[in-house]
């Protein structure tokens, strides 16, 4: 599945990773395509190449979302 990371950090500094079907997927200009991965864990690892503080989306990547 394809994954994207939000270029804009949340108020806590997190850049969230999203699946393309997510209702919270950022607009095209505010997201970075990470690639196709089997799991969101792999996508988060890839996103950390671009941003230090990364988190999975609560809604579409709950398995990598941390509070």
PDB file of N, CA and C in Angstrom:
ATOM      1  N   UNK A   1       0.836  -1.180   0.000  1.00  0.00           N
ATOM      2  CA  UNK A   1       0.000   0.000   0.000  1.00  0.00           C
ATOM      3  C   UNK A   1       0.887   1.252   0.000  1.00  0.00           C
ATOM      4  N   UNK A   2       0.383   2.285  -0.608  1.00  0.00           N
ATOM      5  CA  UNK A   2       1.095   3.560  -0.651  1.00  0.00           C
ATOM      6  C   UNK A   2       0.954   4.290   0.681  1.00  0.00           C
ATOM      7  N   UNK A   3       1.987   5.054   1.012  1.00  0.00           N
ATOM      8  CA  UNK A   3       1.969   5.858   2.232  1.00  0.00           C
ATOM      9  C   UNK A   3       2.508   7.246   1.943  1.00  0.00           C
ATOM     10  N   UNK A   4       2.011   8.194   2.722  1.00  0.00           N
ATOM     11  CA  UNK A   4       2.410   9.591   2.617  1.00  0.00           C
ATOM     12  C   UNK A   4       2.717  10.120   4.015  1.00  0.00           C
ATOM     13  N   UNK A   5       3.553  11.150   4.078  1.00  0.00           N
ATOM     14  CA  UNK A   5       3.790  11.836   5.339  1.00  0.00           C
ATOM     15  C   UNK A   5       3.403  13.299   5.164  1.00  0.00           C
ATOM     16  N   UNK A   6       2.797  13.833   6.189  1.00  0.00           N
ATOM     17  CA  UNK A   6       2.393  15.234   6.185  1.00  0.00           C
ATOM     18  C   UNK A   6       3.633  16.110   6.310  1.00  0.00           C
ATOM     19  N   UNK A   7       3.826  17.029   5.386  1.00  0.00           N
ATOM     20  CA  UNK A   7       4.963  17.956   5.435  1.00  0.00           C
ATOM     21  C   UNK A   7       4.825  18.940   6.592  1.00  0.00           C
ATOM     22  N   UNK A   8       3.588  19.232   6.974  1.00  0.00           N
ATOM     23  CA  UNK A   8       3.320  20.166   8.069  1.00  0.00           C
ATOM     24  C   UNK A   8       3.206  19.383   9.371  1.00  0.00           C
ATOM     25  N   UNK A   9       3.972  19.778  10.357  1.00  0.00           N
ATOM     26  CA  UNK A   9       3.929  19.112  11.653  1.00  0.00           C
ATOM     27  C   UNK A   9       2.642  19.461  12.402  1.00  0.00           C
ATOM     28  N   UNK A  10       2.206  18.526  13.230  1.00  0.00           N
ATOM     29  CA  UNK A  10       1.088  18.771  14.131  1.00  0.00           C
ATOM     30  C   UNK A  10       1.563  19.747  15.214  1.00  0.00           C
ATOM     31  N   UNK A  11       0.671  20.204  16.065  1.00  0.00           N
ATOM     32  CA  UNK A  11       1.047  21.153  17.112  1.00  0.00           C
ATOM     33  C   UNK A  11       2.085  20.575  18.071  1.00  0.00           C
ATOM     34  N   UNK A  12       2.134  19.239  18.197  1.00  0.00           N
ATOM     35  CA  UNK A  12       3.120  18.605  19.078  1.00  0.00           C
ATOM     36  C   UNK A  12       4.443  18.310  18.361  1.00  0.00           C
ATOM     37  N   UNK A  13       4.535  18.669  17.083  1.00  0.00           N
ATOM     38  CA  UNK A  13       5.770  18.463  16.323  1.00  0.00           C
ATOM     39  C   UNK A  13       5.797  17.213  15.467  1.00  0.00           C
ATOM     40  N   UNK A  14       4.785  16.352  15.579  1.00  0.00           N
ATOM     41  CA  UNK A  14       4.737  15.113  14.798  1.00  0.00           C
ATOM     42  C   UNK A  14       4.405  15.371  13.333  1.00  0.00           C
ATOM     43  N   UNK A  15       5.074  14.656  12.453  1.00  0.00           N
ATOM     44  CA  UNK A  15       4.711  14.568  11.040  1.00  0.00           C
ATOM     45  C   UNK A  15       4.013  13.224  10.898  1.00  0.00           C
ATOM     46  N   UNK A  16       2.733  13.245  10.557  1.00  0.00           N
ATOM     47  CA  UNK A  16       1.938  12.015  10.544  1.00  0.00           C
ATOM     48  C   UNK A  16       2.007  11.283   9.213  1.00  0.00           C
ATOM     49  N   UNK A  17       2.087   9.960   9.316  1.00  0.00           N
ATOM     50  CA  UNK A  17       2.071   9.072   8.159  1.00  0.00           C
ATOM     51  C   UNK A  17       0.626   8.645   7.909  1.00  0.00           C
ATOM     52  N   UNK A  18       0.223   8.672   6.625  1.00  0.00           N
ATOM     53  CA  UNK A  18      -1.156   8.350   6.240  1.00  0.00           C
ATOM     54  C   UNK A  18      -1.200   7.356   5.085  1.00  0.00           C
ATOM     55  N   UNK A  19      -2.296   6.605   5.057  1.00  0.00           N
ATOM     56  CA  UNK A  19      -2.633   5.784   3.889  1.00  0.00           C
ATOM     57  C   UNK A  19      -3.446   6.665   2.932  1.00  0.00           C
ATOM     58  N   UNK A  20      -3.473   6.334   1.641  1.00  0.00           N
ATOM     59  CA  UNK A  20      -4.186   7.195   0.678  1.00  0.00           C
ATOM     60  C   UNK A  20      -5.696   7.245   0.878  1.00  0.00           C
ATOM     61  N   UNK A  21      -6.259   6.295   1.592  1.00  0.00           N
ATOM     62  CA  UNK A  21      -7.705   6.261   1.811  1.00  0.00           C
ATOM     63  C   UNK A  21      -8.137   7.027   3.057  1.00  0.00           C
ATOM     64  N   UNK A  22      -7.183   7.632   3.765  1.00  0.00           N
ATOM     65  CA  UNK A  22      -7.477   8.305   5.031  1.00  0.00           C
ATOM     66  C   UNK A  22      -8.249   9.608   4.811  1.00  0.00           C
ATOM     67  N   UNK A  23      -9.244   9.843   5.640  1.00  0.00           N
ATOM     68  CA  UNK A  23     -10.004  11.093   5.595  1.00  0.00           C
ATOM     69  C   UNK A  23      -9.148  12.285   5.999  1.00  0.00           C
ATOM     70  N   UNK A  24      -8.054  12.045   6.722  1.00  0.00           N
ATOM     71  CA  UNK A  24      -7.175  13.099   7.209  1.00  0.00           C
ATOM     72  C   UNK A  24      -5.931  13.255   6.343  1.00  0.00           C
ATOM     73  N   UNK A  25      -5.890  12.607   5.181  1.00  0.00           N
ATOM     74  CA  UNK A  25      -4.763  12.740   4.259  1.00  0.00           C
ATOM     75  C   UNK A  25      -4.617  14.208   3.859  1.00  0.00           C
ATOM     76  N   UNK A  26      -3.415  14.779   4.021  1.00  0.00           N
ATOM     77  CA  UNK A  26      -3.223  16.193   3.665  1.00  0.00           C
ATOM     78  C   UNK A  26      -3.396  16.433   2.167  1.00  0.00           C
ATOM     79  N   UNK A  27      -3.629  17.686   1.814  1.00  0.00           N
ATOM     80  CA  UNK A  27      -3.706  18.066   0.409  1.00  0.00           C
ATOM     81  C   UNK A  27      -2.390  17.728  -0.285  1.00  0.00           C
ATOM     82  N   UNK A  28      -2.425  17.573  -1.587  1.00  0.00           N
ATOM     83  CA  UNK A  28      -1.263  17.167  -2.380  1.00  0.00           C
ATOM     84  C   UNK A  28      -0.026  18.001  -2.083  1.00  0.00           C
ATOM     85  N   UNK A  29      -0.184  19.303  -1.956  1.00  0.00           N
ATOM     86  CA  UNK A  29       0.980  20.165  -1.748  1.00  0.00           C
ATOM     87  C   UNK A  29       1.556  20.048  -0.330  1.00  0.00           C
ATOM     88  N   UNK A  30       0.807  19.443   0.580  1.00  0.00           N
ATOM     89  CA  UNK A  30       1.255  19.312   1.975  1.00  0.00           C
ATOM     90  C   UNK A  30       1.669  17.899   2.355  1.00  0.00           C
ATOM     91  N   UNK A  31       1.855  17.033   1.361  1.00  0.00           N
ATOM     92  CA  UNK A  31       2.252  15.664   1.683  1.00  0.00           C
ATOM     93  C   UNK A  31       3.408  15.213   0.806  1.00  0.00           C
ATOM     94  N   UNK A  32       4.165  14.278   1.345  1.00  0.00           N
ATOM     95  CA  UNK A  32       5.307  13.699   0.657  1.00  0.00           C
ATOM     96  C   UNK A  32       5.045  12.211   0.479  1.00  0.00           C
ATOM     97  N   UNK A  33       5.140  11.744  -0.768  1.00  0.00           N
ATOM     98  CA  UNK A  33       4.944  10.323  -1.049  1.00  0.00           C
ATOM     99  C   UNK A  33       6.148   9.550  -0.532  1.00  0.00           C
ATOM    100  N   UNK A  34       5.891   8.548   0.303  1.00  0.00           N
ATOM    101  CA  UNK A  34       6.966   7.752   0.886  1.00  0.00           C
ATOM    102  C   UNK A  34       7.280   6.501   0.079  1.00  0.00           C
ATOM    103  N   UNK A  35       6.277   5.937  -0.579  1.00  0.00           N
ATOM    104  CA  UNK A  35       6.473   4.722  -1.357  1.00  0.00           C
ATOM    105  C   UNK A  35       5.431   3.682  -0.996  1.00  0.00           C
ATOM    106  N   UNK A  36       5.608   2.492  -1.568  1.00  0.00           N
ATOM    107  CA  UNK A  36       4.729   1.350  -1.293  1.00  0.00           C
ATOM    108  C   UNK A  36       5.392   0.463  -0.249  1.00  0.00           C
ATOM    109  N   UNK A  37       4.650   0.177   0.812  1.00  0.00           N
ATOM    110  CA  UNK A  37       5.163  -0.651   1.901  1.00  0.00           C
ATOM    111  C   UNK A  37       4.106  -1.652   2.340  1.00  0.00           C
ATOM    112  N   UNK A  38       4.554  -2.764   2.890  1.00  0.00           N
ATOM    113  CA  UNK A  38       3.634  -3.793   3.384  1.00  0.00           C
ATOM    114  C   UNK A  38       2.987  -3.375   4.699  1.00  0.00           C
ATOM    115  N   UNK A  39       3.696  -2.563   5.489  1.00  0.00           N
ATOM    116  CA  UNK A  39       3.182  -2.148   6.795  1.00  0.00           C
ATOM    117  C   UNK A  39       3.425  -0.662   7.030  1.00  0.00           C
ATOM    118  N   UNK A  40       2.665  -0.113   7.955  1.00  0.00           N
ATOM    119  CA  UNK A  40       2.879   1.292   8.303  1.00  0.00           C
ATOM    120  C   UNK A  40       4.178   1.460   9.095  1.00  0.00           C
ATOM    121  N   UNK A  41       4.651   0.411   9.749  1.00  0.00           N
ATOM    122  CA  UNK A  41       5.925   0.478  10.454  1.00  0.00           C
ATOM    123  C   UNK A  41       7.055   0.790   9.475  1.00  0.00           C
ATOM    124  N   UNK A  42       7.023   0.159   8.301  1.00  0.00           N
ATOM    125  CA  UNK A  42       8.038   0.421   7.277  1.00  0.00           C
ATOM    126  C   UNK A  42       7.925   1.857   6.771  1.00  0.00           C
ATOM    127  N   UNK A  43       6.696   2.334   6.617  1.00  0.00           N
ATOM    128  CA  UNK A  43       6.474   3.701   6.138  1.00  0.00           C
ATOM    129  C   UNK A  43       6.969   4.727   7.156  1.00  0.00           C
ATOM    130  N   UNK A  44       6.743   4.479   8.434  1.00  0.00           N
ATOM    131  CA  UNK A  44       7.226   5.384   9.485  1.00  0.00           C
ATOM    132  C   UNK A  44       8.751   5.420   9.467  1.00  0.00           C
ATOM    133  N   UNK A  45       9.362   4.273   9.293  1.00  0.00           N
ATOM    134  CA  UNK A  45      10.824   4.207   9.220  1.00  0.00           C
ATOM    135  C   UNK A  45      11.343   5.046   8.051  1.00  0.00           C
ATOM    136  N   UNK A  46      10.675   4.969   6.919  1.00  0.00           N
ATOM    137  CA  UNK A  46      11.052   5.767   5.746  1.00  0.00           C
ATOM    138  C   UNK A  46      10.844   7.259   6.021  1.00  0.00           C
ATOM    139  N   UNK A  47       9.751   7.609   6.665  1.00  0.00           N
ATOM    140  CA  UNK A  47       9.456   9.013   6.969  1.00  0.00           C
ATOM    141  C   UNK A  47      10.511   9.616   7.889  1.00  0.00           C
ATOM    142  N   UNK A  48      11.114   8.797   8.728  1.00  0.00           N
ATOM    143  CA  UNK A  48      12.158   9.291   9.642  1.00  0.00           C
ATOM    144  C   UNK A  48      13.437   9.674   8.907  1.00  0.00           C
ATOM    145  N   UNK A  49      13.531   9.336   7.643  1.00  0.00           N
ATOM    146  CA  UNK A  49      14.649   9.799   6.821  1.00  0.00           C
ATOM    147  C   UNK A  49      14.489  11.281   6.483  1.00  0.00           C
ATOM    148  N   UNK A  50      13.247  11.779   6.584  1.00  0.00           N
ATOM    149  CA  UNK A  50      12.933  13.169   6.251  1.00  0.00           C
ATOM    150  C   UNK A  50      12.662  14.029   7.482  1.00  0.00           C
ATOM    151  N   UNK A  51      12.061  13.414   8.498  1.00  0.00           N
ATOM    152  CA  UNK A  51      11.668  14.146   9.702  1.00  0.00           C
ATOM    153  C   UNK A  51      12.069  13.356  10.944  1.00  0.00           C
ATOM    154  N   UNK A  52      12.496  14.058  11.960  1.00  0.00           N
ATOM    155  CA  UNK A  52      12.918  13.409  13.210  1.00  0.00           C
ATOM    156  C   UNK A  52      11.715  12.887  13.992  1.00  0.00           C
ATOM    157  N   UNK A  53      10.686  13.695  14.072  1.00  0.00           N
ATOM    158  CA  UNK A  53       9.506  13.349  14.876  1.00  0.00           C
ATOM    159  C   UNK A  53       8.383  12.897  13.958  1.00  0.00           C
ATOM    160  N   UNK A  54       8.124  11.586  13.941  1.00  0.00           N
ATOM    161  CA  UNK A  54       7.132  10.982  13.045  1.00  0.00           C
ATOM    162  C   UNK A  54       6.190  10.109  13.865  1.00  0.00           C
ATOM    163  N   UNK A  55       4.937  10.075  13.450  1.00  0.00           N
ATOM    164  CA  UNK A  55       3.929   9.270  14.129  1.00  0.00           C
ATOM    165  C   UNK A  55       2.945   8.757  13.080  1.00  0.00           C
ATOM    166  N   UNK A  56       2.382   7.592  13.313  1.00  0.00           N
ATOM    167  CA  UNK A  56       1.322   7.083  12.451  1.00  0.00           C
ATOM    168  C   UNK A  56       0.017   7.782  12.767  1.00  0.00           C
ATOM    169  N   UNK A  57      -0.795   7.974  11.765  1.00  0.00           N
ATOM    170  CA  UNK A  57      -2.109   8.593  11.952  1.00  0.00           C
ATOM    171  C   UNK A  57      -2.977   7.731  12.874  1.00  0.00           C
ATOM    172  N   UNK A  58      -3.638   8.366  13.800  1.00  0.00           N
ATOM    173  CA  UNK A  58      -4.522   7.687  14.746  1.00  0.00           C
ATOM    174  C   UNK A  58      -5.611   6.901  14.011  1.00  0.00           C
ATOM    175  N   UNK A  59      -6.090   7.431  12.888  1.00  0.00           N
ATOM    176  CA  UNK A  59      -7.230   6.846  12.188  1.00  0.00           C
ATOM    177  C   UNK A  59      -6.846   5.776  11.168  1.00  0.00           C
ATOM    178  N   UNK A  60      -5.793   6.002  10.387  1.00  0.00           N
ATOM    179  CA  UNK A  60      -5.480   5.039   9.318  1.00  0.00           C
ATOM    180  C   UNK A  60      -4.258   4.187   9.598  1.00  0.00           C
ATOM    181  N   UNK A  61      -3.452   4.566  10.589  1.00  0.00           N
ATOM    182  CA  UNK A  61      -2.246   3.795  10.951  1.00  0.00           C
ATOM    183  C   UNK A  61      -2.178   3.622  12.469  1.00  0.00           C
ATOM    184  N   UNK A  62      -3.243   3.116  13.082  1.00  0.00           N
ATOM    185  CA  UNK A  62      -3.273   3.036  14.556  1.00  0.00           C
ATOM    186  C   UNK A  62      -2.169   2.156  15.127  1.00  0.00           C
ATOM    187  N   UNK A  63      -1.671   1.218  14.326  1.00  0.00           N
ATOM    188  CA  UNK A  63      -0.629   0.310  14.809  1.00  0.00           C
ATOM    189  C   UNK A  63       0.714   1.023  15.018  1.00  0.00           C
ATOM    190  N   UNK A  64       0.869   2.216  14.440  1.00  0.00           N
ATOM    191  CA  UNK A  64       2.095   2.985  14.636  1.00  0.00           C
ATOM    192  C   UNK A  64       1.830   4.328  15.318  1.00  0.00           C
ATOM    193  N   UNK A  65       0.603   4.538  15.742  1.00  0.00           N
ATOM    194  CA  UNK A  65       0.280   5.789  16.441  1.00  0.00           C
ATOM    195  C   UNK A  65       0.665   5.662  17.912  1.00  0.00           C
ATOM    196  N   UNK A  66       1.382   6.669  18.399  1.00  0.00           N
ATOM    197  CA  UNK A  66       1.717   6.714  19.815  1.00  0.00           C
ATOM    198  C   UNK A  66       1.122   7.979  20.402  1.00  0.00           C
ATOM    199  N   UNK A  67       0.741   7.902  21.637  1.00  0.00           N
ATOM    200  CA  UNK A  67       0.104   9.060  22.294  1.00  0.00           C
ATOM    201  C   UNK A  67       1.071  10.167  22.572  1.00  0.00           C
TER     202      UNK A  67
END
